[in-house]
Structures are given as structure tokens and as C-alpha cells.
PDB file of N, CA and C in Angstrom:
ATOM      1  N   MET A   1     -28.909  12.314  76.785  1.00  0.00           N
ATOM      2  CA  MET A   1     -28.079  12.265  75.664  1.00  0.00           C
ATOM      3  C   MET A   1     -26.928  11.235  75.896  1.00  0.00           C
ATOM      4  N   LEU A   2     -25.944  11.114  75.030  1.00  0.00           N
ATOM      5  CA  LEU A   2     -24.900  10.169  75.197  1.00  0.00           C
ATOM      6  C   LEU A   2     -23.880  10.677  76.061  1.00  0.00           C
ATOM      7  N   GLY A   3     -23.369   9.645  76.755  1.00  0.00           N
ATOM      8  CA  GLY A   3     -22.179   9.924  77.678  1.00  0.00           C
ATOM      9  C   GLY A   3     -20.940  10.209  76.886  1.00  0.00           C
ATOM     10  N   SER A   4     -19.931  10.654  77.577  1.00  0.00           N
ATOM     11  CA  SER A   4     -18.607  10.936  77.048  1.00  0.00           C
ATOM     12  C   SER A   4     -17.905   9.695  76.672  1.00  0.00           C
ATOM     13  N   ASP A   5     -18.028   8.499  77.317  1.00  0.00           N
ATOM     14  CA  ASP A   5     -17.605   7.364  76.970  1.00  0.00           C
ATOM     15  C   ASP A   5     -18.127   6.809  75.507  1.00  0.00           C
ATOM     16  N   ALA A   6     -19.402   6.969  75.449  1.00  0.00           N
ATOM     17  CA  ALA A   6     -20.230   6.523  74.195  1.00  0.00           C
ATOM     18  C   ALA A   6     -19.774   7.366  72.981  1.00  0.00           C
ATOM     19  N   HIS A   7     -19.644   8.654  73.453  1.00  0.00           N
ATOM     20  CA  HIS A   7     -19.318   9.698  72.350  1.00  0.00           C
ATOM     21  C   HIS A   7     -17.784   9.349  71.873  1.00  0.00           C
ATOM     22  N   ALA A   8     -16.836   9.072  72.814  1.00  0.00           N
ATOM     23  CA  ALA A   8     -15.520   8.803  72.344  1.00  0.00           C
ATOM     24  C   ALA A   8     -15.455   7.421  71.587  1.00  0.00           C
ATOM     25  N   ASN A   9     -16.271   6.448  71.930  1.00  0.00           N
ATOM     26  CA  ASN A   9     -16.442   5.192  71.318  1.00  0.00           C
ATOM     27  C   ASN A   9     -16.842   5.410  69.926  1.00  0.00           C
ATOM     28  N   LEU A  10     -17.847   6.205  69.811  1.00  0.00           N
ATOM     29  CA  LEU A  10     -18.452   6.406  68.368  1.00  0.00           C
ATOM     30  C   LEU A  10     -17.415   7.142  67.521  1.00  0.00           C
ATOM     31  N   LEU A  11     -16.755   8.088  68.327  1.00  0.00           N
ATOM     32  CA  LEU A  11     -15.697   8.861  67.492  1.00  0.00           C
ATOM     33  C   LEU A  11     -14.643   8.056  67.056  1.00  0.00           C
ATOM     34  N   SER A  12     -14.197   6.993  67.894  1.00  0.00           N
ATOM     35  CA  SER A  12     -13.020   6.164  67.344  1.00  0.00           C
ATOM     36  C   SER A  12     -13.500   5.280  66.330  1.00  0.00           C
ATOM     37  N   GLN A  13     -14.816   4.667  66.369  1.00  0.00           N
ATOM     38  CA  GLN A  13     -15.310   3.942  65.272  1.00  0.00           C
ATOM     39  C   GLN A  13     -15.320   4.755  64.012  1.00  0.00           C
ATOM     40  N   PHE A  14     -15.892   6.037  64.127  1.00  0.00           N
ATOM     41  CA  PHE A  14     -15.828   6.781  62.869  1.00  0.00           C
ATOM     42  C   PHE A  14     -14.525   6.906  62.279  1.00  0.00           C
ATOM     43  N   GLN A  15     -13.613   7.253  63.054  1.00  0.00           N
ATOM     44  CA  GLN A  15     -12.164   7.418  62.592  1.00  0.00           C
ATOM     45  C   GLN A  15     -11.653   6.142  62.026  1.00  0.00           C
ATOM     46  N   ALA A  16     -11.883   5.035  62.595  1.00  0.00           N
ATOM     47  CA  ALA A  16     -11.558   3.691  61.979  1.00  0.00           C
ATOM     48  C   ALA A  16     -12.163   3.542  60.693  1.00  0.00           C
ATOM     49  N   LEU A  17     -13.476   3.847  60.627  1.00  0.00           N
ATOM     50  CA  LEU A  17     -14.183   3.706  59.443  1.00  0.00           C
ATOM     51  C   LEU A  17     -13.540   4.617  58.257  1.00  0.00           C
ATOM     52  N   GLN A  18     -13.169   5.791  58.507  1.00  0.00           N
ATOM     53  CA  GLN A  18     -12.642   6.787  57.683  1.00  0.00           C
ATOM     54  C   GLN A  18     -11.173   6.147  57.195  1.00  0.00           C
ATOM     55  N   ARG A  19     -10.470   5.616  58.098  1.00  0.00           N
ATOM     56  CA  ARG A  19      -9.180   5.092  57.766  1.00  0.00           C
ATOM     57  C   ARG A  19      -9.395   3.921  56.729  1.00  0.00           C
ATOM     58  N   GLN A  20     -10.217   3.076  57.085  1.00  0.00           N
ATOM     59  CA  GLN A  20     -10.588   1.858  56.256  1.00  0.00           C
ATOM     60  C   GLN A  20     -11.147   2.296  54.979  1.00  0.00           C
ATOM     61  N   SER A  21     -11.872   3.304  54.861  1.00  0.00           N
ATOM     62  CA  SER A  21     -12.402   3.897  53.612  1.00  0.00           C
ATOM     63  C   SER A  21     -11.251   4.408  52.771  1.00  0.00           C
ATOM     64  N   SER A  22     -10.388   5.106  53.347  1.00  0.00           N
ATOM     65  CA  SER A  22      -9.188   5.749  52.756  1.00  0.00           C
ATOM     66  C   SER A  22      -8.237   4.722  52.175  1.00  0.00           C
ATOM     67  N   GLU A  23      -8.052   3.679  52.949  1.00  0.00           N
ATOM     68  CA  GLU A  23      -7.197   2.546  52.534  1.00  0.00           C
ATOM     69  C   GLU A  23      -7.800   1.771  51.332  1.00  0.00           C
ATOM     70  N   GLN A  24      -9.144   1.575  51.361  1.00  0.00           N
ATOM     71  CA  GLN A  24      -9.915   0.979  50.226  1.00  0.00           C
ATOM     72  C   GLN A  24      -9.887   1.755  48.947  1.00  0.00           C
ATOM     73  N   SER A  25      -9.955   3.148  49.271  1.00  0.00           N
ATOM     74  CA  SER A  25      -9.984   4.012  48.090  1.00  0.00           C
ATOM     75  C   SER A  25      -8.575   3.954  47.303  1.00  0.00           C
ATOM     76  N   GLN A  26      -7.501   3.865  48.276  1.00  0.00           N
ATOM     77  CA  GLN A  26      -6.039   3.817  47.739  1.00  0.00           C
ATOM     78  C   GLN A  26      -5.936   2.545  47.011  1.00  0.00           C
ATOM     79  N   ALA A  27      -6.470   1.371  47.535  1.00  0.00           N
ATOM     80  CA  ALA A  27      -6.425   0.131  46.919  1.00  0.00           C
ATOM     81  C   ALA A  27      -7.063   0.035  45.560  1.00  0.00           C
ATOM     82  N   VAL A  28      -8.322   0.750  45.517  1.00  0.00           N
ATOM     83  CA  VAL A  28      -9.008   0.745  44.296  1.00  0.00           C
ATOM     84  C   VAL A  28      -8.185   1.551  43.145  1.00  0.00           C
ATOM     85  N   ALA A  29      -7.609   2.649  43.638  1.00  0.00           N
ATOM     86  CA  ALA A  29      -6.943   3.477  42.793  1.00  0.00           C
ATOM     87  C   ALA A  29      -5.563   2.628  42.181  1.00  0.00           C
ATOM     88  N   ALA A  30      -5.016   1.969  43.135  1.00  0.00           N
ATOM     89  CA  ALA A  30      -3.954   1.170  42.677  1.00  0.00           C
ATOM     90  C   ALA A  30      -4.261  -0.063  41.799  1.00  0.00           C
ATOM     91  N   SER A  31      -5.370  -0.632  42.013  1.00  0.00           N
ATOM     92  CA  SER A  31      -5.895  -1.586  41.130  1.00  0.00           C
ATOM     93  C   SER A  31      -6.314  -1.020  39.698  1.00  0.00           C
ATOM     94  N   GLN A  32      -6.973   0.154  39.646  1.00  0.00           N
ATOM     95  CA  GLN A  32      -7.261   0.727  38.417  1.00  0.00           C
ATOM     96  C   GLN A  32      -5.932   1.112  37.695  1.00  0.00           C
ATOM     97  N   ALA A  33      -4.831   1.563  38.294  1.00  0.00           N
ATOM     98  CA  ALA A  33      -3.603   1.832  37.652  1.00  0.00           C
ATOM     99  C   ALA A  33      -3.050   0.615  37.069  1.00  0.00           C
ATOM    100  N   ALA A  34      -2.996  -0.549  37.909  1.00  0.00           N
ATOM    101  CA  ALA A  34      -2.523  -1.781  37.403  1.00  0.00           C
ATOM    102  C   ALA A  34      -3.300  -2.301  36.243  1.00  0.00           C
ATOM    103  N   LEU A  35      -4.640  -2.114  36.144  1.00  0.00           N
ATOM    104  CA  LEU A  35      -5.450  -2.574  35.153  1.00  0.00           C
ATOM    105  C   LEU A  35      -5.205  -1.813  33.840  1.00  0.00           C
ATOM    106  N   ALA A  36      -5.003  -0.439  34.152  1.00  0.00           N
ATOM    107  CA  ALA A  36      -4.820   0.395  32.983  1.00  0.00           C
ATOM    108  C   ALA A  36      -3.438   0.192  32.230  1.00  0.00           C
ATOM    109  N   SER A  37      -2.474  -0.258  32.994  1.00  0.00           N
ATOM    110  CA  SER A  37      -1.271  -0.601  32.384  1.00  0.00           C
ATOM    111  C   SER A  37      -1.041  -2.001  32.019  1.00  0.00           C
ATOM    112  N   THR A  38      -2.045  -2.905  32.172  1.00  0.00           N
ATOM    113  CA  THR A  38      -1.945  -4.310  31.765  1.00  0.00           C
ATOM    114  C   THR A  38      -2.082  -4.428  30.242  1.00  0.00           C
ATOM    115  N   PRO A  39      -1.211  -5.026  29.505  1.00  0.00           N
ATOM    116  CA  PRO A  39      -1.381  -5.136  27.996  1.00  0.00           C
ATOM    117  C   PRO A  39      -2.592  -6.165  27.967  1.00  0.00           C
ATOM    118  N   LEU A  40      -3.243  -5.783  26.766  1.00  0.00           N
ATOM    119  CA  LEU A  40      -4.413  -6.611  26.394  1.00  0.00           C
ATOM    120  C   LEU A  40      -4.438  -6.811  24.941  1.00  0.00           C
ATOM    121  N   ALA A  41      -4.536  -8.069  24.645  1.00  0.00           N
ATOM    122  CA  ALA A  41      -4.538  -8.525  23.142  1.00  0.00           C
ATOM    123  C   ALA A  41      -5.816  -9.161  22.831  1.00  0.00           C
ATOM    124  N   LEU A  42      -6.473  -8.500  21.802  1.00  0.00           N
ATOM    125  CA  LEU A  42      -7.814  -9.167  21.333  1.00  0.00           C
ATOM    126  C   LEU A  42      -7.626  -9.834  20.094  1.00  0.00           C
ATOM    127  N   HIS A  43      -8.257 -11.108  20.028  1.00  0.00           N
ATOM    128  CA  HIS A  43      -8.045 -11.879  18.751  1.00  0.00           C
ATOM    129  C   HIS A  43      -9.555 -12.072  18.380  1.00  0.00           C
ATOM    130  N   TYR A  44      -9.912 -11.393  17.165  1.00  0.00           N
ATOM    131  CA  TYR A  44     -11.214 -11.547  16.669  1.00  0.00           C
ATOM    132  C   TYR A  44     -11.199 -12.311  15.541  1.00  0.00           C
ATOM    133  N   TYR A  45     -12.091 -13.430  15.488  1.00  0.00           N
ATOM    134  CA  TYR A  45     -12.117 -14.435  14.383  1.00  0.00           C
ATOM    135  C   TYR A  45     -13.594 -14.335  13.931  1.00  0.00           C
ATOM    136  N   GLY A  46     -13.610 -13.472  12.793  1.00  0.00           N
ATOM    137  CA  GLY A  46     -14.984 -13.396  12.235  1.00  0.00           C
ATOM    138  C   GLY A  46     -15.392 -14.580  11.318  1.00  0.00           C
ATOM    139  N   ARG A  47     -16.657 -14.427  10.853  1.00  0.00           N
ATOM    140  CA  ARG A  47     -16.973 -15.592  10.010  1.00  0.00           C
ATOM    141  C   ARG A  47     -17.081 -15.152   8.505  1.00  0.00           C
ATOM    142  N   GLY A  48     -16.460 -14.064   8.152  1.00  0.00           N
ATOM    143  CA  GLY A  48     -16.412 -13.603   6.777  1.00  0.00           C
ATOM    144  C   GLY A  48     -17.531 -12.674   6.572  1.00  0.00           C
ATOM    145  N   GLY A  49     -17.423 -11.904   5.424  1.00  0.00           N
ATOM    146  CA  GLY A  49     -18.440 -10.871   5.163  1.00  0.00           C
ATOM    147  C   GLY A  49     -19.746 -11.420   4.507  1.00  0.00           C
ATOM    148  N   VAL A  50     -19.478 -12.344   3.673  1.00  0.00           N
ATOM    149  CA  VAL A  50     -20.722 -12.840   2.867  1.00  0.00           C
ATOM    150  C   VAL A  50     -20.755 -14.336   3.091  1.00  0.00           C
ATOM    151  N   PRO A  51     -21.963 -14.915   3.308  1.00  0.00           N
ATOM    152  CA  PRO A  51     -21.852 -16.392   3.448  1.00  0.00           C
ATOM    153  C   PRO A  51     -21.509 -17.049   2.227  1.00  0.00           C
ATOM    154  N   GLY A  52     -20.654 -18.133   2.264  1.00  0.00           N
ATOM    155  CA  GLY A  52     -20.236 -18.929   1.096  1.00  0.00           C
ATOM    156  C   GLY A  52     -19.046 -18.438   0.637  1.00  0.00           C
ATOM    157  N   PHE A  53     -18.490 -17.339   1.095  1.00  0.00           N
ATOM    158  CA  PHE A  53     -17.060 -16.772   0.638  1.00  0.00           C
ATOM    159  C   PHE A  53     -16.134 -16.917   1.769  1.00  0.00           C
ATOM    160  N   ARG A  54     -15.045 -17.433   1.372  1.00  0.00           N
ATOM    161  CA  ARG A  54     -13.977 -17.513   2.546  1.00  0.00           C
ATOM    162  C   ARG A  54     -13.465 -16.167   3.029  1.00  0.00           C
ATOM    163  N   GLY A  55     -13.155 -15.436   1.895  1.00  0.00           N
ATOM    164  CA  GLY A  55     -12.638 -14.081   2.227  1.00  0.00           C
ATOM    165  C   GLY A  55     -13.491 -13.013   1.807  1.00  0.00           C
ATOM    166  N   ASN A  56     -13.028 -11.801   1.795  1.00  0.00           N
ATOM    167  CA  ASN A  56     -13.952 -10.610   1.309  1.00  0.00           C
ATOM    168  C   ASN A  56     -13.821 -10.541  -0.261  1.00  0.00           C
ATOM    169  N   PRO A  57     -15.043 -10.901  -0.831  1.00  0.00           N
ATOM    170  CA  PRO A  57     -14.996 -10.748  -2.328  1.00  0.00           C
ATOM    171  C   PRO A  57     -14.687  -9.490  -2.957  1.00  0.00           C
ATOM    172  N   VAL A  58     -14.904  -8.385  -2.251  1.00  0.00           N
ATOM    173  CA  VAL A  58     -14.828  -6.943  -2.903  1.00  0.00           C
ATOM    174  C   VAL A  58     -13.370  -6.681  -2.678  1.00  0.00           C
ATOM    175  N   ARG A  59     -12.633  -7.134  -1.577  1.00  0.00           N
ATOM    176  CA  ARG A  59     -11.241  -6.896  -1.445  1.00  0.00           C
ATOM    177  C   ARG A  59     -10.512  -7.702  -2.497  1.00  0.00           C
ATOM    178  N   GLU A  60     -10.824  -9.010  -2.731  1.00  0.00           N
ATOM    179  CA  GLU A  60     -10.175  -9.858  -3.613  1.00  0.00           C
ATOM    180  C   GLU A  60     -10.307  -9.311  -5.037  1.00  0.00           C
ATOM    181  N   ALA A  61     -11.482  -8.838  -5.297  1.00  0.00           N
ATOM    182  CA  ALA A  61     -11.670  -8.135  -6.674  1.00  0.00           C
ATOM    183  C   ALA A  61     -10.749  -7.015  -6.858  1.00  0.00           C
ATOM    184  N   TRP A  62     -10.664  -6.111  -5.838  1.00  0.00           N
ATOM    185  CA  TRP A  62      -9.855  -4.978  -5.870  1.00  0.00           C
ATOM    186  C   TRP A  62      -8.433  -5.381  -6.207  1.00  0.00           C
ATOM    187  N   HIS A  63      -7.896  -6.319  -5.441  1.00  0.00           N
ATOM    188  CA  HIS A  63      -6.539  -6.807  -5.550  1.00  0.00           C
ATOM    189  C   HIS A  63      -6.190  -7.354  -6.893  1.00  0.00           C
ATOM    190  N   THR A  64      -7.272  -8.138  -7.488  1.00  0.00           N
ATOM    191  CA  THR A  64      -7.197  -8.652  -8.872  1.00  0.00           C
ATOM    192  C   THR A  64      -6.995  -7.534  -9.892  1.00  0.00           C
ATOM    193  N   PHE A  65      -7.948  -6.469  -9.672  1.00  0.00           N
ATOM    194  CA  PHE A  65      -7.983  -5.408 -10.564  1.00  0.00           C
ATOM    195  C   PHE A  65      -6.671  -4.541 -10.580  1.00  0.00           C
ATOM    196  N   MET A  66      -6.211  -4.322  -9.281  1.00  0.00           N
ATOM    197  CA  MET A  66      -4.851  -3.586  -9.333  1.00  0.00           C
ATOM    198  C   MET A  66      -3.749  -4.380  -9.814  1.00  0.00           C
ATOM    199  N   ALA A  67      -3.704  -5.823  -9.710  1.00  0.00           N
ATOM    200  CA  ALA A  67      -2.670  -6.691 -10.331  1.00  0.00           C
ATOM    201  C   ALA A  67      -2.695  -6.576 -11.811  1.00  0.00           C
ATOM    202  N   MET A  68      -3.883  -6.461 -12.326  1.00  0.00           N
ATOM    203  CA  MET A  68      -4.179  -6.388 -13.769  1.00  0.00           C
ATOM    204  C   MET A  68      -3.562  -5.136 -14.404  1.00  0.00           C
ATOM    205  N   VAL A  69      -3.871  -3.975 -13.552  1.00  0.00           N
ATOM    206  CA  VAL A  69      -3.446  -2.684 -13.933  1.00  0.00           C
ATOM    207  C   VAL A  69      -1.934  -2.596 -13.959  1.00  0.00           C
ATOM    208  N   VAL A  70      -1.297  -3.101 -12.892  1.00  0.00           N
ATOM    209  CA  VAL A  70       0.042  -3.146 -13.060  1.00  0.00           C
ATOM    210  C   VAL A  70       0.703  -3.993 -14.063  1.00  0.00           C
ATOM    211  N   ALA A  71       0.100  -5.221 -14.350  1.00  0.00           N
ATOM    212  CA  ALA A  71       0.595  -5.976 -15.450  1.00  0.00           C
ATOM    213  C   ALA A  71       0.368  -5.331 -16.745  1.00  0.00           C
ATOM    214  N   ILE A  72      -0.659  -4.520 -17.064  1.00  0.00           N
ATOM    215  CA  ILE A  72      -0.835  -3.943 -18.284  1.00  0.00           C
ATOM    216  C   ILE A  72       0.120  -2.720 -18.463  1.00  0.00           C
ATOM    217  N   VAL A  73       0.382  -1.981 -17.312  1.00  0.00           N
ATOM    218  CA  VAL A  73       1.300  -0.844 -17.302  1.00  0.00           C
ATOM    219  C   VAL A  73       2.860  -1.409 -17.585  1.00  0.00           C
ATOM    220  N   GLY A  74       3.026  -2.641 -17.001  1.00  0.00           N
ATOM    221  CA  GLY A  74       4.461  -3.225 -17.363  1.00  0.00           C
ATOM    222  C   GLY A  74       4.461  -3.655 -18.752  1.00  0.00           C
ATOM    223  N   ILE A  75       3.493  -4.241 -19.344  1.00  0.00           N
ATOM    224  CA  ILE A  75       3.586  -4.645 -20.778  1.00  0.00           C
ATOM    225  C   ILE A  75       3.676  -3.458 -21.637  1.00  0.00           C
ATOM    226  N   LEU A  76       3.027  -2.321 -21.350  1.00  0.00           N
ATOM    227  CA  LEU A  76       3.180  -1.119 -22.093  1.00  0.00           C
ATOM    228  C   LEU A  76       4.562  -0.503 -22.008  1.00  0.00           C
ATOM    229  N   LEU A  77       5.028  -0.528 -20.839  1.00  0.00           N
ATOM    230  CA  LEU A  77       6.419  -0.010 -20.867  1.00  0.00           C
ATOM    231  C   LEU A  77       7.448  -0.820 -21.454  1.00  0.00           C
ATOM    232  N   GLN A  78       7.325  -2.208 -21.519  1.00  0.00           N
ATOM    233  CA  GLN A  78       8.213  -3.064 -22.103  1.00  0.00           C
ATOM    234  C   GLN A  78       8.015  -2.862 -23.838  1.00  0.00           C
ATOM    235  N   ALA A  79       6.740  -2.739 -24.179  1.00  0.00           N
ATOM    236  CA  ALA A  79       6.564  -2.414 -25.633  1.00  0.00           C
ATOM    237  C   ALA A  79       7.222  -1.092 -25.929  1.00  0.00           C
ATOM    238  N   LEU A  80       7.125  -0.113 -25.194  1.00  0.00           N
ATOM    239  CA  LEU A  80       7.796   1.182 -25.449  1.00  0.00           C
ATOM    240  C   LEU A  80       9.331   0.965 -25.381  1.00  0.00           C
ATOM    241  N   ALA A  81       9.777   0.143 -24.570  1.00  0.00           N
ATOM    242  CA  ALA A  81      11.270  -0.078 -24.495  1.00  0.00           C
ATOM    243  C   ALA A  81      11.799  -0.805 -25.811  1.00  0.00           C
ATOM    244  N   VAL A  82      10.950  -1.517 -26.415  1.00  0.00           N
ATOM    245  CA  VAL A  82      11.404  -2.238 -27.602  1.00  0.00           C
ATOM    246  C   VAL A  82      11.149  -1.229 -28.802  1.00  0.00           C
ATOM    247  N   LEU A  83       9.873  -0.658 -28.909  1.00  0.00           N
ATOM    248  CA  LEU A  83       9.483   0.045 -30.038  1.00  0.00           C
ATOM    249  C   LEU A  83      10.138   1.489 -30.199  1.00  0.00           C
ATOM    250  N   VAL A  84      10.386   2.078 -29.123  1.00  0.00           N
ATOM    251  CA  VAL A  84      11.071   3.361 -29.329  1.00  0.00           C
ATOM    252  C   VAL A  84      12.378   3.422 -30.024  1.00  0.00           C
ATOM    253  N   PRO A  85      13.209   2.482 -29.490  1.00  0.00           N
ATOM    254  CA  PRO A  85      14.615   2.406 -30.189  1.00  0.00           C
ATOM    255  C   PRO A  85      14.433   1.954 -31.650  1.00  0.00           C
ATOM    256  N   LEU A  86      13.500   0.996 -31.850  1.00  0.00           N
ATOM    257  CA  LEU A  86      13.357   0.629 -33.359  1.00  0.00           C
ATOM    258  C   LEU A  86      12.908   1.811 -34.160  1.00  0.00           C
ATOM    259  N   GLY A  87      11.895   2.623 -33.640  1.00  0.00           N
ATOM    260  CA  GLY A  87      11.409   3.900 -34.352  1.00  0.00           C
ATOM    261  C   GLY A  87      12.485   4.782 -34.566  1.00  0.00           C
ATOM    262  N   VAL A  88      13.236   5.075 -33.635  1.00  0.00           N
ATOM    263  CA  VAL A  88      14.443   5.995 -33.794  1.00  0.00           C
ATOM    264  C   VAL A  88      15.313   5.488 -34.909  1.00  0.00           C
ATOM    265  N   LEU A  89      15.655   4.243 -34.885  1.00  0.00           N
ATOM    266  CA  LEU A  89      16.614   3.551 -35.877  1.00  0.00           C
ATOM    267  C   LEU A  89      16.003   3.725 -37.241  1.00  0.00           C
ATOM    268  N   LEU A  90      14.675   3.399 -37.360  1.00  0.00           N
ATOM    269  CA  LEU A  90      13.901   3.557 -38.766  1.00  0.00           C
ATOM    270  C   LEU A  90      13.941   4.970 -39.116  1.00  0.00           C
ATOM    271  N   ALA A  91      13.724   5.902 -38.273  1.00  0.00           N
ATOM    272  CA  ALA A  91      13.779   7.402 -38.691  1.00  0.00           C
ATOM    273  C   ALA A  91      15.074   7.747 -39.053  1.00  0.00           C
ATOM    274  N   LEU A  92      16.102   7.396 -38.396  1.00  0.00           N
ATOM    275  CA  LEU A  92      17.486   7.617 -38.860  1.00  0.00           C
ATOM    276  C   LEU A  92      17.890   7.053 -40.291  1.00  0.00           C
ATOM    277  N   LEU A  93      17.291   5.856 -40.424  1.00  0.00           N
ATOM    278  CA  LEU A  93      17.620   5.236 -41.835  1.00  0.00           C
ATOM    279  C   LEU A  93      16.803   5.900 -42.813  1.00  0.00           C
ATOM    280  N   ILE A  94      15.617   6.361 -42.700  1.00  0.00           N
ATOM    281  CA  ILE A  94      14.899   7.181 -43.632  1.00  0.00           C
ATOM    282  C   ILE A  94      15.509   8.490 -43.881  1.00  0.00           C
ATOM    283  N   ALA A  95      15.957   9.166 -42.697  1.00  0.00           N
ATOM    284  CA  ALA A  95      16.598  10.435 -42.958  1.00  0.00           C
ATOM    285  C   ALA A  95      17.810  10.324 -43.769  1.00  0.00           C
ATOM    286  N   LEU A  96      18.660   9.180 -43.455  1.00  0.00           N
ATOM    287  CA  LEU A  96      19.861   8.899 -44.276  1.00  0.00           C
ATOM    288  C   LEU A  96      19.599   8.674 -45.819  1.00  0.00           C
ATOM    289  N   TRP A  97      18.461   7.931 -46.030  1.00  0.00           N
ATOM    290  CA  TRP A  97      18.078   7.525 -47.369  1.00  0.00           C
ATOM    291  C   TRP A  97      17.752   8.756 -48.086  1.00  0.00           C
ATOM    292  N   ARG A  98      17.229   9.843 -47.556  1.00  0.00           N
ATOM    293  CA  ARG A  98      16.855  11.042 -48.220  1.00  0.00           C
ATOM    294  C   ARG A  98      17.910  12.129 -48.176  1.00  0.00           C
ATOM    295  N   THR A  99      19.066  11.781 -47.794  1.00  0.00           N
ATOM    296  CA  THR A  99      20.170  12.855 -47.864  1.00  0.00           C
ATOM    297  C   THR A  99      20.584  12.960 -49.302  1.00  0.00           C
ATOM    298  N   ARG A 100      21.248  14.086 -49.716  1.00  0.00           N
ATOM    299  CA  ARG A 100      21.713  14.423 -51.006  1.00  0.00           C
ATOM    300  C   ARG A 100      22.795  13.325 -51.350  1.00  0.00           C
ATOM    301  N   PRO A 101      23.695  12.998 -50.609  1.00  0.00           N
ATOM    302  CA  PRO A 101      24.727  11.928 -51.019  1.00  0.00           C
ATOM    303  C   PRO A 101      23.954  10.644 -51.526  1.00  0.00           C
ATOM    304  N   MET A 102      23.122  10.209 -50.604  1.00  0.00           N
ATOM    305  CA  MET A 102      22.326   8.859 -50.922  1.00  0.00           C
ATOM    306  C   MET A 102      21.499   9.124 -52.282  1.00  0.00           C
ATOM    307  N   ARG A 103      20.955  10.194 -52.492  1.00  0.00           N
ATOM    308  CA  ARG A 103      20.247  10.441 -53.756  1.00  0.00           C
ATOM    309  C   ARG A 103      21.164  10.229 -54.912  1.00  0.00           C
ATOM    310  N   ALA A 104      22.363  10.778 -54.720  1.00  0.00           N
ATOM    311  CA  ALA A 104      23.450  10.806 -55.739  1.00  0.00           C
ATOM    312  C   ALA A 104      23.753   9.259 -56.009  1.00  0.00           C
ATOM    313  N   VAL A 105      23.933   8.559 -54.969  1.00  0.00           N
ATOM    314  CA  VAL A 105      24.395   7.031 -55.156  1.00  0.00           C
ATOM    315  C   VAL A 105      23.176   6.369 -55.772  1.00  0.00           C
ATOM    316  N   ARG A 106      22.003   6.631 -55.382  1.00  0.00           N
ATOM    317  CA  ARG A 106      20.759   6.023 -55.953  1.00  0.00           C
ATOM    318  C   ARG A 106      20.679   6.184 -57.399  1.00  0.00           C
ATOM    319  N   SER A 107      20.895   7.556 -57.834  1.00  0.00           N
ATOM    320  CA  SER A 107      20.761   7.773 -59.361  1.00  0.00           C
ATOM    321  C   SER A 107      21.876   7.179 -60.035  1.00  0.00           C
ATOM    322  N   TRP A 108      23.249   7.159 -59.438  1.00  0.00           N
ATOM    323  CA  TRP A 108      24.336   6.572 -60.017  1.00  0.00           C
ATOM    324  C   TRP A 108      24.029   5.112 -60.145  1.00  0.00           C
ATOM    325  N   VAL A 109      23.497   4.382 -59.182  1.00  0.00           N
ATOM    326  CA  VAL A 109      23.033   2.950 -59.298  1.00  0.00           C
ATOM    327  C   VAL A 109      22.114   2.682 -60.326  1.00  0.00           C
ATOM    328  N   LYS A 110      21.053   3.650 -60.318  1.00  0.00           N
ATOM    329  CA  LYS A 110      20.059   3.536 -61.264  1.00  0.00           C
ATOM    330  C   LYS A 110      20.484   3.753 -62.730  1.00  0.00           C
ATOM    331  N   GLY A 111      21.424   4.797 -62.973  1.00  0.00           N
ATOM    332  CA  GLY A 111      21.982   4.949 -64.268  1.00  0.00           C
ATOM    333  C   GLY A 111      22.791   3.770 -64.744  1.00  0.00           C
ATOM    334  N   ALA A 112      23.509   3.052 -63.777  1.00  0.00           N
ATOM    335  CA  ALA A 112      24.360   2.098 -64.095  1.00  0.00           C
ATOM    336  C   ALA A 112      23.607   0.699 -64.513  1.00  0.00           C
ATOM    337  N   GLN A 113      22.487   0.617 -63.921  1.00  0.00           N
ATOM    338  CA  GLN A 113      21.583  -0.570 -64.221  1.00  0.00           C
ATOM    339  C   GLN A 113      20.901  -0.251 -65.510  1.00  0.00           C
ATOM    340  N   GLU A 114      20.432   0.912 -65.920  1.00  0.00           N
ATOM    341  CA  GLU A 114      19.894   1.267 -67.156  1.00  0.00           C
ATOM    342  C   GLU A 114      20.782   0.959 -68.266  1.00  0.00           C
ATOM    343  N   SER A 115      22.180   1.479 -68.102  1.00  0.00           N
ATOM    344  CA  SER A 115      23.047   1.274 -69.142  1.00  0.00           C
ATOM    345  C   SER A 115      23.385  -0.178 -69.268  1.00  0.00           C
ATOM    346  N   GLU A 116      23.435  -1.020 -68.236  1.00  0.00           N
ATOM    347  CA  GLU A 116      23.723  -2.247 -68.331  1.00  0.00           C
ATOM    348  C   GLU A 116      22.517  -2.947 -69.150  1.00  0.00           C
ATOM    349  N   ASP A 117      21.375  -2.601 -68.924  1.00  0.00           N
ATOM    350  CA  ASP A 117      20.170  -3.226 -69.571  1.00  0.00           C
ATOM    351  C   ASP A 117      20.162  -2.760 -71.009  1.00  0.00           C
ATOM    352  N   GLY A 118      20.556  -1.614 -71.357  1.00  0.00           N
ATOM    353  CA  GLY A 118      20.583  -1.247 -72.626  1.00  0.00           C
ATOM    354  C   GLY A 118      21.676  -1.824 -73.526  1.00  0.00           C
ATOM    355  N   ASN A 119      22.822  -2.206 -73.061  1.00  0.00           N
ATOM    356  CA  ASN A 119      23.882  -2.923 -73.714  1.00  0.00           C
ATOM    357  C   ASN A 119      23.629  -4.364 -74.011  1.00  0.00           C
ATOM    358  N   ASP A 120      22.661  -5.082 -73.473  1.00  0.00           N
ATOM    359  CA  ASP A 120      22.453  -6.367 -73.651  1.00  0.00           C
ATOM    360  C   ASP A 120      21.897  -6.566 -74.943  1.00  0.00           C
TER     361      ASP A 120
END
């Protein structure tokens, strides 16, 4: 078999290889930690969804649709802002026109006009 010198030599080589393996494992772990904490920015430049279109036509159509909905709602709200006060004012004038004092004034004016027409 092997002599004690050869055995001691092999044992020291084995221990050296174990230390080297341990150091390399630590270096790999440190490299992996450094790589994991490295910021990475990806810039993807696609060629578009559909050939012949610069942008995405579905997204552009959706944005146009939503812009039109917002515009129509805005127009309707502005129309209500104008028409509601006018409607309230007209309703108040009609209510005033139909009150008892105004009927008396109307009949008095109507009577005065008939008497002026009859005197001529």
C-alpha cells in the first residue's frame, strides 16, 4: 500500500483542494449577490402591432372614443347649465301669469281696451 509520506501528501493536497473549492464557492456566492443587486434597464423597441401603422390602432381608436364621450358629456352639461335656469325662469313667469292678481290685471286691461274700442 501507500507509505505514510504519500498518504500525508495526498491528505494535504485534498485539504488544499477543499480550501480552494470553498474559496471558489464563496466567490461564486459573492458574484451572484453582486449580480442580483445590479440595476438592469431594458429598452424594448418594437416594430408596432400591425404592419403599416405607426402606433396601435386599437389603442388610438379607444382614446378617440373616450375623447368623444368626454366631449359629448361636456356639451350636455353646458346645455343643462343654460337650459335649466331658463326653464325655471319660464316656469316662474307662467306661474306669475296665472296668479289671481295677474288675472285681475288682465281682465282690467281687456275691459279698458274694449271700452276704448267701443267709444270710437
